[in-house]
C-alpha cells in the first residue's frame, strides 16, 4: 500500500512538472496597447509598439529577445510577479509623450528623455497593496505593469 501511494505521488509530481514546463514555454497573450499608452500618459510618457528584433542593440550585454525572456527577467527582480494569475509581455519604445513633456520626464524618468527600448510585462492578480501612514485605507491594484530594459533585462519602473 505504501508503495502505491509513493508511485501515485511521483506520478502527480511528474504531471505537475510537465504542465508547468508547457506553461513556461506557451506564448503569452497580447497586451492591451491602448490601455498601456493611457496609463503611461499619466507619467508623461508614450509607448510605441515594436518588434523585438528591432529593439536590441547589437552589442547589448544581456538582450531580451522574447516575451518568455522578459517574463523570466521580471520574475527574478520582482517577487510578487510569481503570484500573478495572468501575464502579457510587449516590446516597444518609451519616449516623452510630447515635446512639452520633456522637462517633466527629465525630472521623473530621465532614462526616457530619448527613445528607449523596453519590454512591458503586465501582471494581473498580483494584489499590489498601496502604502501610506497607519490608519489610512489601503487600495489593492490587481494589475501591475513592469518595465524592463530590452538591452539588459534590468528593472526600470512599474505603473498601474
N, C-alpha and C. Protein backbone atom coordinates (compact mmCIF):
# COMPACT_ATOMS: atom_id res chain seq x y z
N UNK A 1 0.82 -1.19 0.00
CA UNK A 1 0.00 0.00 0.00
C UNK A 1 0.87 1.26 0.00
N UNK A 2 1.95 1.22 0.77
CA UNK A 2 2.84 2.36 0.85
C UNK A 2 3.52 2.59 -0.50
N UNK A 3 3.83 1.51 -1.18
CA UNK A 3 4.49 1.61 -2.50
C UNK A 3 3.54 2.26 -3.51
N UNK A 4 2.26 1.93 -3.48
CA UNK A 4 1.28 2.51 -4.39
C UNK A 4 1.14 4.01 -4.13
N UNK A 5 1.09 4.39 -2.87
CA UNK A 5 0.99 5.82 -2.52
C UNK A 5 2.23 6.57 -3.01
N UNK A 6 3.40 5.95 -2.86
CA UNK A 6 4.64 6.56 -3.32
C UNK A 6 4.63 6.74 -4.84
N UNK A 7 4.21 5.71 -5.56
CA UNK A 7 4.15 5.79 -7.03
C UNK A 7 3.11 6.83 -7.48
N UNK A 8 2.00 6.90 -6.78
CA UNK A 8 0.97 7.90 -7.11
C UNK A 8 1.51 9.31 -6.90
N UNK A 9 2.26 9.50 -5.82
CA UNK A 9 2.85 10.81 -5.55
C UNK A 9 3.85 11.18 -6.63
N UNK A 10 4.67 10.26 -7.06
CA UNK A 10 5.63 10.52 -8.14
C UNK A 10 4.89 10.85 -9.43
N UNK A 11 3.82 10.14 -9.71
CA UNK A 11 3.03 10.41 -10.91
C UNK A 11 2.42 11.81 -10.89
N UNK A 12 1.89 12.21 -9.76
CA UNK A 12 1.30 13.55 -9.63
C UNK A 12 2.37 14.61 -9.81
N UNK A 13 3.54 14.40 -9.20
CA UNK A 13 4.63 15.37 -9.34
C UNK A 13 5.08 15.46 -10.79
N UNK A 14 5.13 14.34 -11.49
CA UNK A 14 5.54 14.33 -12.90
C UNK A 14 4.55 15.13 -13.75
N UNK A 15 3.24 14.93 -13.52
CA UNK A 15 2.22 15.66 -14.26
C UNK A 15 2.33 17.15 -13.97
N UNK A 16 2.50 17.51 -12.70
CA UNK A 16 2.63 18.92 -12.33
C UNK A 16 3.85 19.55 -13.01
N UNK A 17 4.97 18.85 -13.02
CA UNK A 17 6.18 19.34 -13.67
C UNK A 17 5.97 19.49 -15.17
N UNK A 18 5.33 18.53 -15.80
CA UNK A 18 5.08 18.60 -17.24
C UNK A 18 4.18 19.77 -17.59
N UNK A 19 3.13 20.00 -16.78
CA UNK A 19 2.21 21.11 -17.04
C UNK A 19 2.92 22.44 -16.85
N UNK A 20 3.74 22.57 -15.81
CA UNK A 20 4.42 23.84 -15.58
C UNK A 20 5.44 24.11 -16.67
N UNK A 21 6.08 23.10 -17.23
CA UNK A 21 7.03 23.30 -18.33
C UNK A 21 6.30 23.79 -19.58
N UNK A 22 5.14 23.21 -19.86
CA UNK A 22 4.36 23.66 -21.01
C UNK A 22 3.94 25.11 -20.82
N UNK A 23 3.50 25.45 -19.61
CA UNK A 23 3.05 26.81 -19.34
C UNK A 23 4.20 27.80 -19.52
N UNK A 24 5.42 27.44 -19.11
CA UNK A 24 6.56 28.34 -19.25
C UNK A 24 6.93 28.57 -20.71
N UNK A 25 6.65 27.62 -21.57
CA UNK A 25 7.00 27.75 -22.98
C UNK A 25 5.84 28.23 -23.85
N UNK A 26 4.67 28.35 -23.26
CA UNK A 26 3.49 28.76 -24.03
C UNK A 26 3.60 30.23 -24.40
N UNK A 27 3.04 30.61 -25.54
CA UNK A 27 3.06 32.04 -25.91
C UNK A 27 2.21 32.84 -24.94
N UNK A 28 2.65 34.06 -24.68
CA UNK A 28 1.89 34.93 -23.78
C UNK A 28 0.81 35.65 -24.57
N UNK A 29 -0.33 35.95 -23.94
CA UNK A 29 -1.38 36.69 -24.66
C UNK A 29 -0.94 38.11 -24.98
N UNK A 30 -1.61 38.73 -25.94
CA UNK A 30 -1.29 40.11 -26.32
C UNK A 30 -1.79 41.08 -25.26
N UNK A 31 -1.03 42.15 -25.07
CA UNK A 31 -1.40 43.19 -24.11
C UNK A 31 -2.40 44.14 -24.75
N UNK A 32 -3.09 44.89 -23.93
CA UNK A 32 -3.97 45.94 -24.40
C UNK A 32 -3.12 47.19 -24.58
N UNK A 33 -2.65 47.44 -25.80
CA UNK A 33 -1.72 48.53 -26.09
C UNK A 33 -2.33 49.88 -25.75
N UNK A 34 -3.59 50.09 -26.08
CA UNK A 34 -4.24 51.37 -25.79
C UNK A 34 -4.25 51.64 -24.28
N UNK A 35 -4.49 50.61 -23.49
CA UNK A 35 -4.50 50.78 -22.04
C UNK A 35 -3.10 51.10 -21.53
N UNK A 36 -2.08 50.43 -22.06
CA UNK A 36 -0.70 50.74 -21.67
C UNK A 36 -0.37 52.19 -21.99
N UNK A 37 -0.75 52.63 -23.17
CA UNK A 37 -0.48 54.01 -23.58
C UNK A 37 -1.19 55.01 -22.66
N UNK A 38 -2.44 54.74 -22.32
CA UNK A 38 -3.19 55.62 -21.42
C UNK A 38 -2.53 55.70 -20.04
N UNK A 39 -2.12 54.54 -19.52
CA UNK A 39 -1.50 54.52 -18.20
C UNK A 39 -0.15 55.22 -18.20
N UNK A 40 0.65 55.05 -19.26
CA UNK A 40 1.93 55.74 -19.34
C UNK A 40 1.76 57.24 -19.55
N UNK A 41 0.69 57.64 -20.19
CA UNK A 41 0.44 59.07 -20.41
C UNK A 41 0.32 59.82 -19.09
N UNK A 42 -0.14 59.16 -18.04
CA UNK A 42 -0.22 59.82 -16.73
C UNK A 42 1.18 60.12 -16.19
N UNK A 43 2.19 59.44 -16.72
CA UNK A 43 3.59 59.68 -16.34
C UNK A 43 4.28 60.59 -17.35
N UNK A 44 3.51 61.15 -18.29
CA UNK A 44 4.03 61.99 -19.38
C UNK A 44 4.92 61.20 -20.34
N UNK A 45 4.63 59.89 -20.47
CA UNK A 45 5.40 59.02 -21.35
C UNK A 45 4.50 58.42 -22.42
N UNK A 46 5.11 58.04 -23.53
CA UNK A 46 4.40 57.38 -24.63
C UNK A 46 5.06 56.04 -24.91
N UNK A 47 4.25 55.07 -25.34
CA UNK A 47 4.75 53.75 -25.70
C UNK A 47 4.52 53.53 -27.18
N UNK A 48 5.57 53.10 -27.87
CA UNK A 48 5.49 52.81 -29.30
C UNK A 48 5.78 51.32 -29.47
N UNK A 49 4.82 50.59 -29.97
CA UNK A 49 4.97 49.15 -30.18
C UNK A 49 6.06 48.88 -31.21
N UNK A 50 6.90 47.87 -30.96
CA UNK A 50 7.96 47.50 -31.90
C UNK A 50 8.23 46.01 -31.81
N UNK A 51 8.69 45.44 -32.89
CA UNK A 51 9.07 44.02 -32.91
C UNK A 51 10.34 43.84 -32.09
N UNK A 52 10.47 42.73 -31.36
CA UNK A 52 11.65 42.51 -30.53
C UNK A 52 12.98 42.61 -31.28
N UNK A 53 13.01 42.13 -32.51
CA UNK A 53 14.27 42.17 -33.27
C UNK A 53 14.68 43.59 -33.65
N UNK A 54 13.76 44.55 -33.57
CA UNK A 54 14.07 45.94 -33.88
C UNK A 54 14.56 46.72 -32.67
N UNK A 55 14.50 46.12 -31.48
CA UNK A 55 14.80 46.84 -30.25
C UNK A 55 16.25 46.75 -29.80
N UNK A 56 16.80 45.57 -29.83
CA UNK A 56 18.03 45.27 -29.11
C UNK A 56 19.26 45.72 -29.89
N UNK A 57 20.16 46.38 -29.19
CA UNK A 57 21.43 46.81 -29.79
C UNK A 57 22.30 45.58 -30.07
N UNK A 58 23.11 45.66 -31.11
CA UNK A 58 23.97 44.54 -31.50
C UNK A 58 24.91 44.16 -30.36
N UNK A 59 25.42 45.15 -29.64
CA UNK A 59 26.38 44.89 -28.57
C UNK A 59 25.72 44.84 -27.18
N UNK A 60 24.43 44.58 -27.11
CA UNK A 60 23.71 44.53 -25.84
C UNK A 60 24.29 43.45 -24.93
N UNK A 61 24.51 43.77 -23.63
CA UNK A 61 25.13 42.80 -22.72
C UNK A 61 24.27 41.56 -22.46
N UNK A 62 22.98 41.73 -22.20
CA UNK A 62 22.07 40.61 -21.96
C UNK A 62 20.74 40.92 -22.62
N UNK A 63 20.69 40.83 -23.94
CA UNK A 63 19.46 41.23 -24.63
C UNK A 63 18.27 40.34 -24.30
N UNK A 64 17.11 40.98 -24.22
CA UNK A 64 15.84 40.27 -24.01
C UNK A 64 15.16 40.24 -25.37
N UNK A 65 15.13 39.07 -25.98
CA UNK A 65 14.64 38.94 -27.35
C UNK A 65 13.24 38.33 -27.46
N UNK A 66 12.75 37.72 -26.38
CA UNK A 66 11.44 37.08 -26.44
C UNK A 66 10.60 37.46 -25.21
N UNK A 67 9.30 37.27 -25.34
CA UNK A 67 8.39 37.53 -24.21
C UNK A 67 8.74 36.64 -23.02
N UNK A 68 9.11 35.40 -23.29
CA UNK A 68 9.46 34.48 -22.20
C UNK A 68 10.71 34.95 -21.46
N UNK A 69 11.70 35.49 -22.18
CA UNK A 69 12.89 36.03 -21.53
C UNK A 69 12.53 37.26 -20.68
N UNK A 70 11.63 38.08 -21.19
CA UNK A 70 11.18 39.26 -20.43
C UNK A 70 10.50 38.83 -19.14
N UNK A 71 9.63 37.84 -19.23
CA UNK A 71 8.95 37.33 -18.05
C UNK A 71 9.95 36.75 -17.05
N UNK A 72 10.92 36.01 -17.53
CA UNK A 72 11.94 35.43 -16.64
C UNK A 72 12.73 36.53 -15.93
N UNK A 73 13.07 37.60 -16.65
CA UNK A 73 13.80 38.72 -16.04
C UNK A 73 12.96 39.37 -14.95
N UNK A 74 11.67 39.54 -15.20
CA UNK A 74 10.78 40.15 -14.19
C UNK A 74 10.66 39.24 -12.98
N UNK A 75 10.52 37.96 -13.20
CA UNK A 75 10.36 37.02 -12.07
C UNK A 75 11.59 37.02 -11.17
N UNK A 76 12.77 37.28 -11.74
CA UNK A 76 13.99 37.35 -10.92
C UNK A 76 14.02 38.60 -10.06
N UNK A 77 13.47 39.71 -10.58
CA UNK A 77 13.63 41.00 -9.93
C UNK A 77 12.42 41.49 -9.14
N UNK A 78 11.24 40.93 -9.42
CA UNK A 78 10.01 41.40 -8.77
C UNK A 78 9.32 40.19 -8.14
N UNK A 79 9.52 40.00 -6.83
CA UNK A 79 9.00 38.78 -6.18
C UNK A 79 7.50 38.55 -6.33
N UNK A 80 6.68 39.61 -6.29
CA UNK A 80 5.23 39.41 -6.38
C UNK A 80 4.78 38.93 -7.76
N UNK A 81 5.66 38.96 -8.75
CA UNK A 81 5.28 38.51 -10.09
C UNK A 81 4.95 37.02 -10.11
N UNK A 82 5.50 36.27 -9.18
CA UNK A 82 5.23 34.83 -9.12
C UNK A 82 3.78 34.57 -8.76
N UNK A 83 3.14 35.50 -8.04
CA UNK A 83 1.76 35.33 -7.60
C UNK A 83 0.74 35.67 -8.68
N UNK A 84 1.19 36.18 -9.79
CA UNK A 84 0.27 36.63 -10.83
C UNK A 84 -0.46 35.47 -11.48
N UNK A 85 -1.72 35.76 -11.84
CA UNK A 85 -2.54 34.73 -12.48
C UNK A 85 -2.58 34.90 -13.99
N UNK A 86 -2.17 36.06 -14.50
CA UNK A 86 -2.24 36.32 -15.93
C UNK A 86 -1.11 37.26 -16.29
N UNK A 87 -0.43 36.99 -17.39
CA UNK A 87 0.75 37.78 -17.75
C UNK A 87 0.76 38.05 -19.25
N UNK A 88 1.19 39.27 -19.62
CA UNK A 88 1.49 39.57 -21.02
C UNK A 88 2.86 40.24 -21.06
N UNK A 89 3.50 40.22 -22.19
CA UNK A 89 4.78 40.92 -22.37
C UNK A 89 4.76 41.56 -23.76
N UNK A 90 5.08 42.84 -23.80
CA UNK A 90 5.01 43.61 -25.04
C UNK A 90 6.31 44.37 -25.23
N UNK A 91 6.85 44.31 -26.44
CA UNK A 91 8.11 45.01 -26.73
C UNK A 91 7.81 46.33 -27.43
N UNK A 92 8.67 47.31 -27.16
CA UNK A 92 8.49 48.60 -27.81
C UNK A 92 9.48 49.62 -27.30
N UNK A 93 9.14 50.87 -27.53
CA UNK A 93 9.98 52.00 -27.14
C UNK A 93 9.17 52.90 -26.21
N UNK A 94 9.84 53.49 -25.23
CA UNK A 94 9.21 54.52 -24.40
C UNK A 94 9.93 55.82 -24.67
N UNK A 95 9.15 56.89 -24.77
CA UNK A 95 9.67 58.23 -25.04
C UNK A 95 8.76 59.24 -24.36
N UNK A 96 9.18 60.51 -24.31
CA UNK A 96 8.28 61.54 -23.76
C UNK A 96 6.99 61.60 -24.57
N UNK A 97 5.89 61.89 -23.89
CA UNK A 97 4.57 61.96 -24.52
C UNK A 97 4.53 63.03 -25.60
N UNK A 98 5.15 64.17 -25.33
CA UNK A 98 5.16 65.27 -26.29
C UNK A 98 6.41 66.11 -26.05
N UNK A 99 6.65 67.05 -26.92
CA UNK A 99 7.78 67.96 -26.75
C UNK A 99 7.64 68.76 -25.45
N UNK A 100 6.40 69.08 -25.10
CA UNK A 100 6.14 69.86 -23.88
C UNK A 100 6.41 69.04 -22.60
N UNK A 101 6.36 67.72 -22.70
CA UNK A 101 6.54 66.88 -21.51
C UNK A 101 8.00 66.50 -21.25
N UNK A 102 8.91 66.91 -22.11
CA UNK A 102 10.32 66.52 -21.98
C UNK A 102 10.90 66.98 -20.64
N UNK A 103 10.60 68.19 -20.21
CA UNK A 103 11.14 68.71 -18.95
C UNK A 103 10.64 67.88 -17.76
N UNK A 104 9.37 67.54 -17.76
CA UNK A 104 8.81 66.72 -16.67
C UNK A 104 9.45 65.33 -16.67
N UNK A 105 9.66 64.77 -17.85
CA UNK A 105 10.27 63.44 -17.97
C UNK A 105 11.73 63.49 -17.49
N UNK A 106 12.44 64.58 -17.77
CA UNK A 106 13.82 64.72 -17.29
C UNK A 106 13.90 64.58 -15.78
N UNK A 107 12.89 65.09 -15.08
CA UNK A 107 12.87 65.04 -13.62
C UNK A 107 12.43 63.68 -13.09
N UNK A 108 11.39 63.11 -13.68
CA UNK A 108 10.82 61.88 -13.14
C UNK A 108 11.40 60.59 -13.72
N UNK A 109 11.71 60.59 -15.01
CA UNK A 109 12.21 59.38 -15.68
C UNK A 109 13.28 59.77 -16.70
N UNK A 110 14.46 60.23 -16.26
CA UNK A 110 15.46 60.77 -17.18
C UNK A 110 15.92 59.78 -18.26
N UNK A 111 15.83 58.50 -17.98
CA UNK A 111 16.24 57.50 -18.97
C UNK A 111 15.37 57.56 -20.23
N UNK A 112 14.14 58.03 -20.08
CA UNK A 112 13.20 58.03 -21.20
C UNK A 112 13.13 59.36 -21.95
N UNK A 113 14.07 60.27 -21.70
CA UNK A 113 14.09 61.53 -22.44
C UNK A 113 14.34 61.24 -23.92
N UNK A 114 15.10 60.22 -24.19
CA UNK A 114 15.34 59.75 -25.56
C UNK A 114 14.59 58.43 -25.73
N UNK A 115 14.30 58.06 -26.95
CA UNK A 115 13.66 56.79 -27.26
C UNK A 115 14.43 55.64 -26.59
N UNK A 116 13.75 54.82 -25.79
CA UNK A 116 14.45 53.75 -25.06
C UNK A 116 13.74 52.41 -25.29
N UNK A 117 14.51 51.35 -25.66
CA UNK A 117 13.90 50.04 -25.93
C UNK A 117 13.53 49.32 -24.63
N UNK A 118 12.28 48.84 -24.57
CA UNK A 118 11.79 48.20 -23.34
C UNK A 118 10.90 47.00 -23.65
N UNK A 119 10.68 46.22 -22.62
CA UNK A 119 9.59 45.24 -22.57
C UNK A 119 8.70 45.70 -21.43
N UNK A 120 7.40 45.67 -21.64
CA UNK A 120 6.44 45.94 -20.57
C UNK A 120 5.76 44.61 -20.27
N UNK A 121 5.95 44.13 -19.06
CA UNK A 121 5.33 42.89 -18.61
C UNK A 121 4.16 43.27 -17.72
N UNK A 122 2.96 42.85 -18.11
CA UNK A 122 1.75 43.16 -17.37
C UNK A 122 1.34 41.94 -16.56
N UNK A 123 1.20 42.15 -15.26
CA UNK A 123 0.81 41.09 -14.34
C UNK A 123 -0.60 41.36 -13.84
N UNK A 124 -1.43 40.37 -13.82
CA UNK A 124 -2.78 40.51 -13.27
C UNK A 124 -2.91 39.57 -12.08
N UNK A 125 -3.67 40.00 -11.10
CA UNK A 125 -3.88 39.17 -9.92
C UNK A 125 -2.72 39.21 -8.95
N UNK A 126 -1.84 40.22 -9.07
CA UNK A 126 -0.68 40.29 -8.17
C UNK A 126 -1.03 40.88 -6.81
N UNK A 127 -2.19 41.55 -6.71
CA UNK A 127 -2.66 42.07 -5.43
C UNK A 127 -1.71 43.08 -4.80
N UNK A 128 -1.21 44.02 -5.57
CA UNK A 128 -0.32 45.07 -5.07
C UNK A 128 -1.09 45.99 -4.14
N UNK A 129 -0.65 46.14 -2.89
CA UNK A 129 -1.34 46.96 -1.90
C UNK A 129 -0.62 48.30 -1.78
N UNK A 130 -1.40 49.38 -1.77
CA UNK A 130 -0.81 50.72 -1.65
C UNK A 130 -0.22 50.91 -0.26
N UNK A 131 0.71 51.87 -0.15
CA UNK A 131 1.30 52.17 1.16
C UNK A 131 0.81 53.52 1.64
N UNK A 132 1.06 53.83 2.88
CA UNK A 132 0.66 55.10 3.45
C UNK A 132 0.76 55.06 4.95
N UNK A 133 0.41 56.16 5.62
CA UNK A 133 0.51 56.19 7.07
C UNK A 133 -0.48 55.23 7.73
N UNK A 134 -0.21 54.86 8.97
CA UNK A 134 -1.13 53.96 9.69
C UNK A 134 -2.53 54.55 9.76
N UNK A 135 -3.52 53.68 9.63
CA UNK A 135 -4.91 54.10 9.74
C UNK A 135 -5.55 54.56 8.45
N UNK A 136 -4.75 54.77 7.41
CA UNK A 136 -5.28 55.20 6.12
C UNK A 136 -5.73 53.96 5.34
N UNK A 137 -6.93 53.99 4.76
CA UNK A 137 -7.38 52.83 3.98
C UNK A 137 -6.41 52.51 2.85
N UNK A 138 -6.23 51.26 2.61
CA UNK A 138 -5.34 50.79 1.55
C UNK A 138 -6.15 50.43 0.31
N UNK A 139 -5.56 50.67 -0.84
CA UNK A 139 -6.17 50.26 -2.11
C UNK A 139 -5.38 49.07 -2.65
N UNK A 140 -6.07 48.14 -3.26
CA UNK A 140 -5.42 46.98 -3.85
C UNK A 140 -5.56 47.06 -5.36
N UNK A 141 -4.44 47.08 -6.05
CA UNK A 141 -4.44 47.09 -7.51
C UNK A 141 -4.14 45.68 -7.98
N UNK A 142 -4.98 45.14 -8.83
CA UNK A 142 -4.77 43.78 -9.30
C UNK A 142 -3.97 43.71 -10.59
N UNK A 143 -3.64 44.86 -11.16
CA UNK A 143 -2.82 44.87 -12.36
C UNK A 143 -1.56 45.68 -12.12
N UNK A 144 -0.43 45.18 -12.56
CA UNK A 144 0.84 45.87 -12.40
C UNK A 144 1.63 45.72 -13.69
N UNK A 145 2.12 46.85 -14.21
CA UNK A 145 2.95 46.84 -15.41
C UNK A 145 4.39 47.09 -14.98
N UNK A 146 5.28 46.23 -15.41
CA UNK A 146 6.69 46.34 -15.05
C UNK A 146 7.48 46.57 -16.34
N UNK A 147 8.29 47.62 -16.33
CA UNK A 147 9.08 48.00 -17.50
C UNK A 147 10.52 47.55 -17.26
N UNK A 148 11.05 46.77 -18.22
CA UNK A 148 12.45 46.36 -18.14
C UNK A 148 13.18 46.80 -19.40
N UNK A 149 14.47 47.02 -19.26
CA UNK A 149 15.32 47.42 -20.37
C UNK A 149 15.48 46.24 -21.33
N UNK A 150 15.23 46.47 -22.61
CA UNK A 150 15.33 45.39 -23.60
C UNK A 150 16.78 44.97 -23.85
N UNK A 151 17.73 45.85 -23.55
CA UNK A 151 19.15 45.51 -23.78
C UNK A 151 19.79 44.77 -22.62
N UNK A 152 19.27 44.97 -21.41
CA UNK A 152 19.92 44.38 -20.24
C UNK A 152 19.01 43.52 -19.38
N UNK A 153 17.69 43.69 -19.51
CA UNK A 153 16.75 42.97 -18.65
C UNK A 153 16.59 43.62 -17.28
N UNK A 154 17.16 44.79 -17.08
CA UNK A 154 17.11 45.49 -15.80
C UNK A 154 15.75 46.15 -15.58
N UNK A 155 15.26 46.05 -14.35
CA UNK A 155 14.02 46.72 -13.96
C UNK A 155 14.21 48.22 -14.09
N UNK A 156 13.24 48.90 -14.72
CA UNK A 156 13.31 50.35 -14.88
C UNK A 156 12.23 51.08 -14.08
N UNK A 157 11.00 50.59 -14.13
CA UNK A 157 9.89 51.22 -13.42
C UNK A 157 8.69 50.30 -13.42
N UNK A 158 7.68 50.67 -12.64
CA UNK A 158 6.41 49.97 -12.69
C UNK A 158 5.30 51.00 -12.58
N UNK A 159 4.12 50.63 -13.08
CA UNK A 159 2.96 51.51 -13.02
C UNK A 159 1.70 50.67 -13.07
N UNK A 160 0.59 51.29 -12.60
CA UNK A 160 -0.70 50.60 -12.57
C UNK A 160 -1.55 51.11 -13.71
